[in-house]
Protein backbone atom coordinates (compact mmCIF):
# COMPACT_ATOMS: atom_id res chain seq x y z
CA UNK A 1 16.20 -29.68 23.13
CA UNK A 2 13.08 -27.49 22.95
CA UNK A 3 15.07 -24.62 24.47
CA UNK A 4 17.49 -24.78 21.53
CA UNK A 5 14.72 -24.08 19.02
CA UNK A 6 13.45 -21.20 21.13
CA UNK A 7 16.95 -19.72 21.22
CA UNK A 8 17.83 -20.12 17.53
CA UNK A 9 17.23 -18.07 15.56
CA UNK A 10 16.89 -14.87 17.58
CA UNK A 11 14.12 -12.34 16.89
CA UNK A 12 16.02 -10.93 13.90
CA UNK A 13 16.76 -14.31 12.38
CA UNK A 14 20.38 -14.68 13.45
CA UNK A 15 22.26 -17.77 14.54
CA UNK A 16 25.18 -16.28 16.51
CA UNK A 17 25.79 -13.64 13.84
CA UNK A 18 24.85 -15.71 10.78
CA UNK A 19 21.58 -15.39 8.89
CA UNK A 20 19.41 -12.29 9.18
CA UNK A 21 17.54 -10.65 6.33
CA UNK A 22 19.62 -8.38 4.10
CA UNK A 23 16.87 -7.41 1.66
CA UNK A 24 15.45 -4.23 0.07
CA UNK A 25 13.08 -2.22 2.34
CA UNK A 26 10.01 -3.21 0.30
CA UNK A 27 10.86 -6.87 0.78
CA UNK A 28 11.41 -6.41 4.52
CA UNK A 29 7.67 -5.88 4.86
CA UNK A 30 6.92 -9.11 3.00
CA UNK A 31 9.48 -11.08 5.03
CA UNK A 32 7.86 -9.83 8.23
CA UNK A 33 4.41 -10.86 6.97
CA UNK A 34 5.70 -14.35 6.19
CA UNK A 35 7.46 -14.63 9.56
CA UNK A 36 4.41 -13.43 11.48
CA UNK A 37 2.12 -15.78 9.59
CA UNK A 38 4.46 -18.72 10.16
CA UNK A 39 4.73 -18.05 13.89
CA UNK A 40 0.94 -17.86 14.07
CA UNK A 41 -0.14 -20.85 12.01
CA UNK A 42 2.74 -23.17 12.98
CA UNK A 43 1.29 -23.22 16.50
CA UNK A 44 -2.23 -23.78 15.20
CA UNK A 45 -3.86 -27.13 15.93
CA UNK A 46 -5.53 -27.14 12.51
CA UNK A 47 -2.24 -26.48 10.67
CA UNK A 48 -0.37 -29.16 12.61
CA UNK A 49 -3.14 -31.72 12.10
CA UNK A 50 -3.35 -31.01 8.36
CA UNK A 51 0.42 -31.29 7.96
CA UNK A 52 0.49 -34.56 9.90
CA UNK A 53 -2.31 -35.95 7.76
CA UNK A 54 -0.48 -34.96 4.57
CA UNK A 55 2.72 -36.59 5.79
CA UNK A 56 1.00 -39.85 6.66
CA UNK A 57 -1.59 -40.25 3.92
CA UNK A 58 0.04 -38.39 1.01
CA UNK A 59 3.81 -38.42 1.51
CA UNK A 60 3.97 -41.93 2.98
CA UNK A 61 5.75 -40.99 6.21
CA UNK A 62 7.38 -42.27 8.29
CA UNK A 63 10.11 -43.37 5.91
CA UNK A 64 12.05 -46.40 7.21
CA UNK A 65 15.55 -46.82 8.57
CA UNK A 66 17.29 -49.67 6.75
CA UNK A 67 20.37 -51.73 7.70
CA UNK A 68 22.81 -52.25 4.82
CA UNK A 69 24.02 -55.78 5.55
CA UNK A 70 26.09 -56.35 2.39
CA UNK A 71 27.61 -52.87 2.39
CA UNK A 72 28.53 -53.26 6.08
CA UNK A 73 30.04 -56.69 5.46
CA UNK A 74 32.30 -55.32 2.73
CA UNK A 75 33.38 -52.05 4.34
CA UNK A 76 33.03 -52.69 8.07
CA UNK A 77 30.99 -50.81 10.60
CA UNK A 78 27.20 -51.02 10.79
CA UNK A 79 25.75 -48.80 8.06
CA UNK A 80 22.12 -47.70 8.23
CA UNK A 81 20.13 -45.47 5.86
CA UNK A 82 17.28 -43.12 6.66
CA UNK A 83 15.29 -43.75 3.48
CA UNK A 84 14.15 -40.27 2.41
CA UNK A 85 14.36 -41.60 -1.15
CA UNK A 86 11.07 -43.36 -0.31
CA UNK A 87 9.32 -40.10 0.59
CA UNK A 88 6.80 -39.11 -2.11
CA UNK A 89 8.55 -37.46 -5.10
CA UNK A 90 11.79 -39.27 -4.19
CA UNK A 91 13.54 -36.95 -1.77
CA UNK A 92 13.29 -35.04 1.51
CA UNK A 93 12.28 -31.85 -0.29
CA UNK A 94 8.53 -32.46 -0.07
CA UNK A 95 8.76 -32.22 3.73
CA UNK A 96 9.19 -28.45 3.59
CA UNK A 97 7.40 -27.83 0.28
CA UNK A 98 4.05 -29.04 1.61
CA UNK A 99 4.52 -26.78 4.64
CA UNK A 100 5.59 -23.76 2.58
CA UNK A 101 2.70 -24.04 0.13
CA UNK A 102 0.24 -24.57 2.96
CA UNK A 103 1.60 -21.30 4.40
CA UNK A 104 1.29 -19.61 0.99
CA UNK A 105 -2.35 -20.62 0.79
CA UNK A 106 -2.94 -19.22 4.28
CA UNK A 107 -1.41 -15.92 3.12
CA UNK A 108 -3.70 -15.80 0.07
CA UNK A 109 -0.90 -16.13 -2.47
CA UNK A 110 -1.73 -17.14 -6.02
CA UNK A 111 1.65 -18.38 -7.18
CA UNK A 112 4.74 -20.07 -5.72
CA UNK A 113 8.18 -19.41 -7.19
CA UNK A 114 11.40 -21.32 -6.60
CA UNK A 115 14.81 -22.25 -7.87
CA UNK A 116 16.02 -25.80 -8.37
CA UNK A 117 19.35 -27.42 -9.15
CA UNK A 118 18.92 -31.17 -9.15
CA UNK A 119 15.23 -30.70 -9.81
CA UNK A 120 14.05 -32.42 -6.62
CA UNK A 121 12.94 -29.19 -4.98
CA UNK A 122 11.25 -28.14 -8.21
CA UNK A 123 9.38 -31.43 -8.46
CA UNK A 124 8.39 -31.27 -4.79
CA UNK A 125 7.13 -27.69 -5.09
CA UNK A 126 5.24 -28.46 -8.30
CA UNK A 127 3.67 -31.42 -6.49
CA UNK A 128 2.65 -29.28 -3.51
CA UNK A 129 1.28 -26.57 -5.82
CA UNK A 130 -0.81 -29.15 -7.67
CA UNK A 131 -2.08 -30.52 -4.36
CA UNK A 132 -3.17 -27.08 -3.09
CA UNK A 133 -4.23 -25.63 -6.46
CA UNK A 134 -1.65 -22.83 -6.84
CA UNK A 135 0.38 -21.74 -9.86
CA UNK A 136 4.04 -22.79 -9.83
CA UNK A 137 7.08 -21.25 -11.54
CA UNK A 138 10.48 -22.96 -11.35
CA UNK A 139 13.77 -21.28 -12.32
CA UNK A 140 16.49 -23.68 -13.41
CA UNK A 141 19.90 -23.24 -15.01
CA UNK A 142 20.29 -24.48 -18.57
CA UNK A 143 23.15 -26.76 -17.54
CA UNK A 144 20.99 -28.42 -14.91
CA UNK A 145 18.03 -28.67 -17.29
CA UNK A 146 20.18 -30.88 -19.52
CA UNK A 147 21.63 -32.90 -16.63
CA UNK A 148 18.31 -33.45 -14.88
CA UNK A 149 16.00 -34.00 -17.86
CA UNK A 150 13.72 -36.57 -16.11
CA UNK A 151 12.90 -34.09 -13.34
CA UNK A 152 12.25 -31.31 -15.86
CA UNK A 153 9.66 -33.55 -17.54
CA UNK A 154 8.11 -34.39 -14.16
CA UNK A 155 7.74 -30.69 -13.30
CA UNK A 156 6.04 -29.98 -16.62
CA UNK A 157 3.66 -32.92 -16.19
CA UNK A 158 2.74 -31.54 -12.75
CA UNK A 159 1.81 -28.22 -14.36
CA UNK A 160 4.81 -26.07 -13.43
CA UNK A 161 6.24 -23.40 -15.71
CA UNK A 162 10.00 -23.86 -16.21
CA UNK A 163 12.09 -20.69 -16.64
CA UNK A 164 15.52 -21.53 -18.14
CA UNK A 165 18.36 -19.44 -16.68
CA UNK A 166 20.93 -18.59 -19.34
CA UNK A 167 23.42 -16.27 -17.61
CA UNK A 168 26.61 -17.00 -15.69
CA UNK A 169 27.37 -20.67 -15.10
CA UNK A 170 23.68 -21.48 -15.75
CA UNK A 171 23.43 -23.58 -12.57
CA UNK A 172 21.97 -23.31 -9.07
CA UNK A 173 23.35 -19.94 -7.92
CA UNK A 174 22.05 -18.23 -11.07
CA UNK A 175 18.69 -19.98 -10.68
CA UNK A 176 18.38 -18.48 -7.18
CA UNK A 177 19.21 -15.03 -8.58
CA UNK A 178 16.56 -15.40 -11.27
CA UNK A 179 13.86 -16.67 -8.89
CA UNK A 180 14.51 -13.80 -6.47
CA UNK A 181 14.17 -11.27 -9.29
CA UNK A 182 10.85 -12.80 -10.36
CA UNK A 183 9.58 -12.74 -6.77
CA UNK A 184 10.52 -9.08 -6.33
CA UNK A 185 8.27 -8.12 -9.23
CA UNK A 186 5.10 -9.19 -7.42
CA UNK A 187 5.61 -10.11 -3.74
CA UNK A 188 1.95 -9.37 -3.00
CA UNK A 189 0.60 -12.28 -5.03
CA UNK A 190 3.58 -14.64 -5.03
CA UNK A 191 5.81 -16.28 -2.47
CA UNK A 192 9.37 -17.50 -2.95
CA UNK A 193 9.58 -21.02 -1.55
CA UNK A 194 13.29 -21.46 -0.96
CA UNK A 195 14.62 -24.98 -1.45
CA UNK A 196 16.98 -25.21 1.50
CA UNK A 197 17.90 -23.72 4.89
CA UNK A 198 19.20 -20.59 3.14
CA UNK A 199 17.95 -17.14 2.17
CA UNK A 200 16.67 -14.30 4.35
CA UNK A 201 14.87 -14.95 7.62
CA UNK A 202 12.41 -16.64 8.17
CA UNK A 203 13.19 -19.22 5.45
CA UNK A 204 16.15 -21.00 7.11
CA UNK A 205 14.05 -21.42 10.25
CA UNK A 206 10.92 -22.58 8.42
CA UNK A 207 12.71 -25.13 6.25
CA UNK A 208 14.61 -26.45 9.28
CA UNK A 209 11.40 -26.84 11.26
CA UNK A 210 9.60 -28.66 8.45
CA UNK A 211 12.62 -30.97 7.93
CA UNK A 212 12.96 -31.85 11.62
CA UNK A 213 10.57 -34.73 11.02
CA UNK A 214 13.47 -36.65 9.43
CA UNK A 215 15.56 -36.59 12.60
CA UNK A 216 12.60 -37.13 14.93
CA UNK A 217 11.65 -40.30 13.06
CA UNK A 218 15.22 -41.53 12.58
CA UNK A 219 16.16 -41.19 16.26
CA UNK A 220 13.12 -43.13 17.42
CA UNK A 221 13.53 -45.78 14.71
CA UNK A 222 17.24 -46.33 15.37
CA UNK A 223 16.64 -46.71 19.11
CA UNK A 224 13.88 -49.21 18.43
CA UNK A 225 16.06 -51.21 16.02
CA UNK A 226 19.28 -51.28 18.04
CA UNK A 227 18.53 -50.19 21.60
CA UNK A 228 21.06 -47.36 21.33
CA UNK A 229 21.79 -44.18 19.41
CA UNK A 230 24.06 -44.17 16.33
CA UNK A 231 27.75 -43.48 16.88
CA UNK A 232 27.87 -41.38 13.71
CA UNK A 233 25.26 -39.46 11.70
CA UNK A 234 26.19 -38.45 8.14
CA UNK A 235 24.45 -36.18 5.63
CA UNK A 236 25.44 -34.27 2.50
CA UNK A 237 25.54 -30.46 2.67
CA UNK A 238 24.87 -28.01 -0.14
CA UNK A 239 22.49 -25.48 1.32
CA UNK A 240 21.99 -28.02 4.06
CA UNK A 241 18.29 -28.84 4.49
CA UNK A 242 18.50 -32.64 4.67
CA UNK A 243 21.47 -32.44 7.03
CA UNK A 244 19.69 -29.95 9.27
CA UNK A 245 16.65 -32.20 9.28
CA UNK A 246 18.53 -35.15 10.72
CA UNK A 247 21.21 -33.36 12.79
CA UNK A 248 18.73 -31.43 14.94
CA UNK A 249 17.53 -34.64 16.61
CA UNK A 250 21.03 -35.50 17.88
CA UNK A 251 22.47 -32.13 18.95
CA UNK A 252 22.21 -32.96 22.67
CA UNK A 253 23.74 -36.43 22.32
CA UNK A 254 27.48 -36.24 22.93
CA UNK A 255 27.93 -39.87 21.93
CA UNK A 256 26.65 -39.08 18.40
CA UNK A 257 29.22 -37.58 16.05
CA UNK A 258 27.71 -35.49 13.28
CA UNK A 259 29.33 -35.22 9.83
CA UNK A 260 28.34 -32.79 7.07
CA UNK A 261 29.71 -33.85 3.70
CA UNK A 262 30.48 -31.19 1.10
CA UNK A 263 31.25 -31.61 -2.61
CA UNK A 264 34.99 -31.69 -3.33
CA UNK A 265 34.25 -31.64 -7.05
CA UNK A 266 37.01 -32.11 -9.63
CA UNK A 267 39.81 -30.58 -7.58
CA UNK A 268 40.38 -28.22 -4.67
CA UNK A 269 41.04 -25.25 -6.97
CA UNK A 270 38.53 -22.43 -6.61
CA UNK A 271 35.75 -23.01 -9.13
CA UNK A 272 36.26 -26.77 -9.23
CA UNK A 273 34.41 -27.59 -5.98
CA UNK A 274 31.62 -26.33 -3.72
CA UNK A 275 33.23 -27.01 -0.32
CA UNK A 276 31.93 -23.83 1.31
CA UNK A 277 32.50 -24.80 4.94
CA UNK A 278 36.01 -26.07 4.24
CA UNK A 279 37.32 -23.17 2.15
CA UNK A 280 34.77 -20.36 2.48
CA UNK A 281 34.86 -17.08 4.37
CA UNK A 282 32.04 -15.09 5.93
CA UNK A 283 29.99 -13.06 3.47
CA UNK A 284 26.47 -12.15 2.39
CA UNK A 285 24.66 -14.01 -0.38
CA UNK A 286 20.99 -14.02 -1.38
CA UNK A 287 19.92 -11.92 1.57
CA UNK A 288 21.70 -13.67 4.47
CA UNK A 289 25.12 -13.97 6.11
CA UNK A 290 26.99 -17.27 6.04
CA UNK A 291 30.22 -18.91 4.97
CA UNK A 292 30.61 -18.35 1.24
CA UNK A 293 33.09 -19.19 -1.49
CA UNK A 294 34.28 -15.84 -2.83
CA UNK A 295 36.57 -14.69 -5.62
CA UNK A 296 39.26 -12.02 -5.35
CA UNK A 297 36.61 -9.31 -5.75
CA UNK A 298 34.56 -10.64 -2.85
CA UNK A 299 31.82 -11.90 -5.17
CA UNK A 300 30.37 -15.43 -4.92
CA UNK A 301 32.77 -17.64 -6.84
CA UNK A 302 32.10 -20.20 -9.52
CA UNK A 303 31.45 -23.65 -8.05
CA UNK A 304 31.22 -27.20 -9.35
CA UNK A 305 29.82 -30.52 -8.23
CA UNK A 306 28.77 -33.66 -10.03
CA UNK A 307 25.58 -33.25 -7.97
CA UNK A 308 23.48 -30.35 -9.23
CA UNK A 309 21.79 -29.92 -5.86
CA UNK A 310 25.09 -29.21 -4.07
CA UNK A 311 26.80 -26.70 -6.38
CA UNK A 312 26.00 -23.60 -4.32
CA UNK A 313 28.64 -21.10 -3.07
CA UNK A 314 26.84 -20.46 0.25
CA UNK A 315 25.48 -22.62 3.06
CA UNK A 316 22.75 -22.39 5.68
CA UNK A 317 23.42 -19.91 8.51
CA UNK A 318 22.74 -22.55 11.17
CA UNK A 319 25.42 -24.77 9.59
CA UNK A 320 27.80 -21.81 9.72
CA UNK A 321 27.10 -21.55 13.44
CA UNK A 322 27.64 -25.30 13.90
CA UNK A 323 31.03 -25.02 12.20
CA UNK A 324 32.17 -22.34 14.64
CA UNK A 325 30.74 -24.24 17.62
CA UNK A 326 32.34 -27.47 16.35
CA UNK A 327 28.96 -29.19 16.82
CA UNK A 328 29.37 -30.79 13.39
CA UNK A 329 32.49 -31.89 11.52
CA UNK A 330 32.38 -30.74 7.88
CA UNK A 331 34.47 -32.69 5.39
CA UNK A 332 34.63 -33.27 1.63
CA UNK A 333 34.06 -36.04 -0.91
CA UNK A 334 35.09 -35.59 -4.53
CA UNK A 335 33.21 -36.40 -7.74
CA UNK A 336 34.89 -39.75 -8.40
CA UNK A 337 34.35 -40.99 -4.83
CA UNK A 338 30.70 -40.01 -5.24
CA UNK A 339 30.31 -41.99 -8.47
CA UNK A 340 31.99 -45.02 -6.91
CA UNK A 341 29.59 -44.88 -3.94
CA UNK A 342 26.64 -44.42 -6.32
CA UNK A 343 27.44 -47.76 -7.94
CA UNK A 344 28.39 -49.53 -4.71
CA UNK A 345 25.05 -48.84 -3.03
CA UNK A 346 23.21 -49.70 -6.24
CA UNK A 347 24.92 -53.06 -6.72
CA UNK A 348 25.30 -54.20 -3.12
CA UNK A 349 21.92 -53.08 -1.76
CA UNK A 350 19.69 -52.51 -4.80
CA UNK A 351 19.25 -48.82 -3.95
CA UNK A 352 20.18 -46.19 -6.55
CA UNK A 353 20.97 -42.99 -4.62
CA UNK A 354 20.80 -39.39 -5.78
CA UNK A 355 24.28 -38.04 -6.49
CA UNK A 356 23.79 -35.60 -3.62
CA UNK A 357 23.13 -38.49 -1.22
CA UNK A 358 25.97 -40.51 -2.72
CA UNK A 359 28.39 -37.97 -1.21
CA UNK A 360 27.15 -38.99 2.24
CA UNK A 361 27.31 -42.69 1.34
CA UNK A 362 30.91 -42.29 0.16
CA UNK A 363 31.87 -40.64 3.42
CA UNK A 364 30.11 -43.38 5.40
CA UNK A 365 32.20 -46.01 3.59
CA UNK A 366 35.36 -44.18 4.68
CA UNK A 367 34.13 -43.99 8.27
CA UNK A 368 33.22 -47.67 8.23
CA UNK A 369 36.79 -48.62 7.31
CA UNK A 370 38.18 -46.37 10.04
CA UNK A 371 35.65 -47.42 12.70
CA UNK A 372 34.80 -51.09 12.02
CA UNK A 373 32.83 -51.54 15.24
CA UNK A 374 30.80 -48.30 15.14
CA UNK A 375 27.33 -47.61 13.76
CA UNK A 376 26.72 -45.05 11.02
CA UNK A 377 23.34 -43.54 10.17
CA UNK A 378 23.26 -41.92 6.72
CA UNK A 379 20.49 -39.61 5.61
CA UNK A 380 19.80 -40.98 2.14
CA UNK A 381 18.16 -37.74 1.08
CA UNK A 382 16.99 -38.79 -2.39
CA UNK A 383 16.82 -41.42 -5.10
CA UNK A 384 18.90 -41.42 -8.24
CA UNK A 385 16.35 -41.79 -11.03
CA UNK A 386 17.12 -38.21 -12.07
CA UNK A 387 20.86 -38.94 -12.36
CA UNK A 388 21.09 -42.26 -14.17
CA UNK A 389 21.36 -40.93 -17.73
CA UNK A 390 23.98 -38.34 -16.75
CA UNK A 391 26.07 -40.84 -14.77
CA UNK A 392 26.09 -43.52 -17.45
CA UNK A 393 26.69 -41.07 -20.30
CA UNK A 394 29.51 -39.29 -18.42
CA UNK A 395 31.19 -42.06 -16.44
CA UNK A 396 29.99 -45.27 -18.07
CA UNK A 397 29.02 -48.49 -16.35
CA UNK A 398 31.59 -50.21 -14.11
CA UNK A 399 32.90 -53.56 -15.26
């Protein structure tokens, strides 16, 4: 497995043609500085020890793997959850945010800038900035600000400055645009801490590496619990950081089938979903090459998902490679299936999932019906505190 991480990405940040860094010349210099610094400090004993200490004593890692007895009894199969919702701040995002801000401090940066959709990355980055004593600026679409009000309040309490994004669809793609523009104004003193395995090299690599802890823990925990590896591993995919975190631990295991679950949205009409791997074509977005959803002009298309963290028209370059290699099966779950799974997990197991994670839960329930004697490990990437008002106001409570 170690040879895989030495091979991908290559020296220019490509994963078999996907990825790279398509950025202005001035930013090329900054990207190289970040890449060089990462390669240097990520091998440093002091860096590794500090990150391990943070994960154990601050984040509360390792997060547990949990067997869903009642859910499994109802739907079949043996359904397990990797409980990233129990990671500090309520999602997997802090895994890479603590690493990115530690890197920023090493580089002498004064401010961290990022986009957020569901608000989990924004909260995690604001938390990391508070921990290390840096300024934090979060760009967020106006639509998502309304949907994710609890996380907006959390970010403000943590000391972050929120920049509302008012153009376009006012969601995640526009927030990325806005954050990039802010970063370009002062790359010397700021660093853009991307919230997923997307963007120009070295960010997809860095976020993947910081998220690998999820899969490393889950593999060891599942073996200890059951004496075998899971038959199926399921994770939601927007940009793809939580999925990359868990998938990387099982790439060499032929008996483990990997499933990336995309948002099918309201319908399969362009603009009503964000199923990039299912319907996208190869293009360049936000400084890297990947599968993208594009309109007739070749521009990134409008997208939709009930989950604010998944409504992005691109996807991580490593996921794009996995699609071509058929290492991972990418499939879709629509909004209503997501809401149904949100309530099922809440009422059968007492766990309220993030809407992003509920996509993976919904797909696991389908798999369980199809494969009643197989095990399914779901990366429950986040908790649903941020979503409860939106879900109840929009869909109501089930009878």
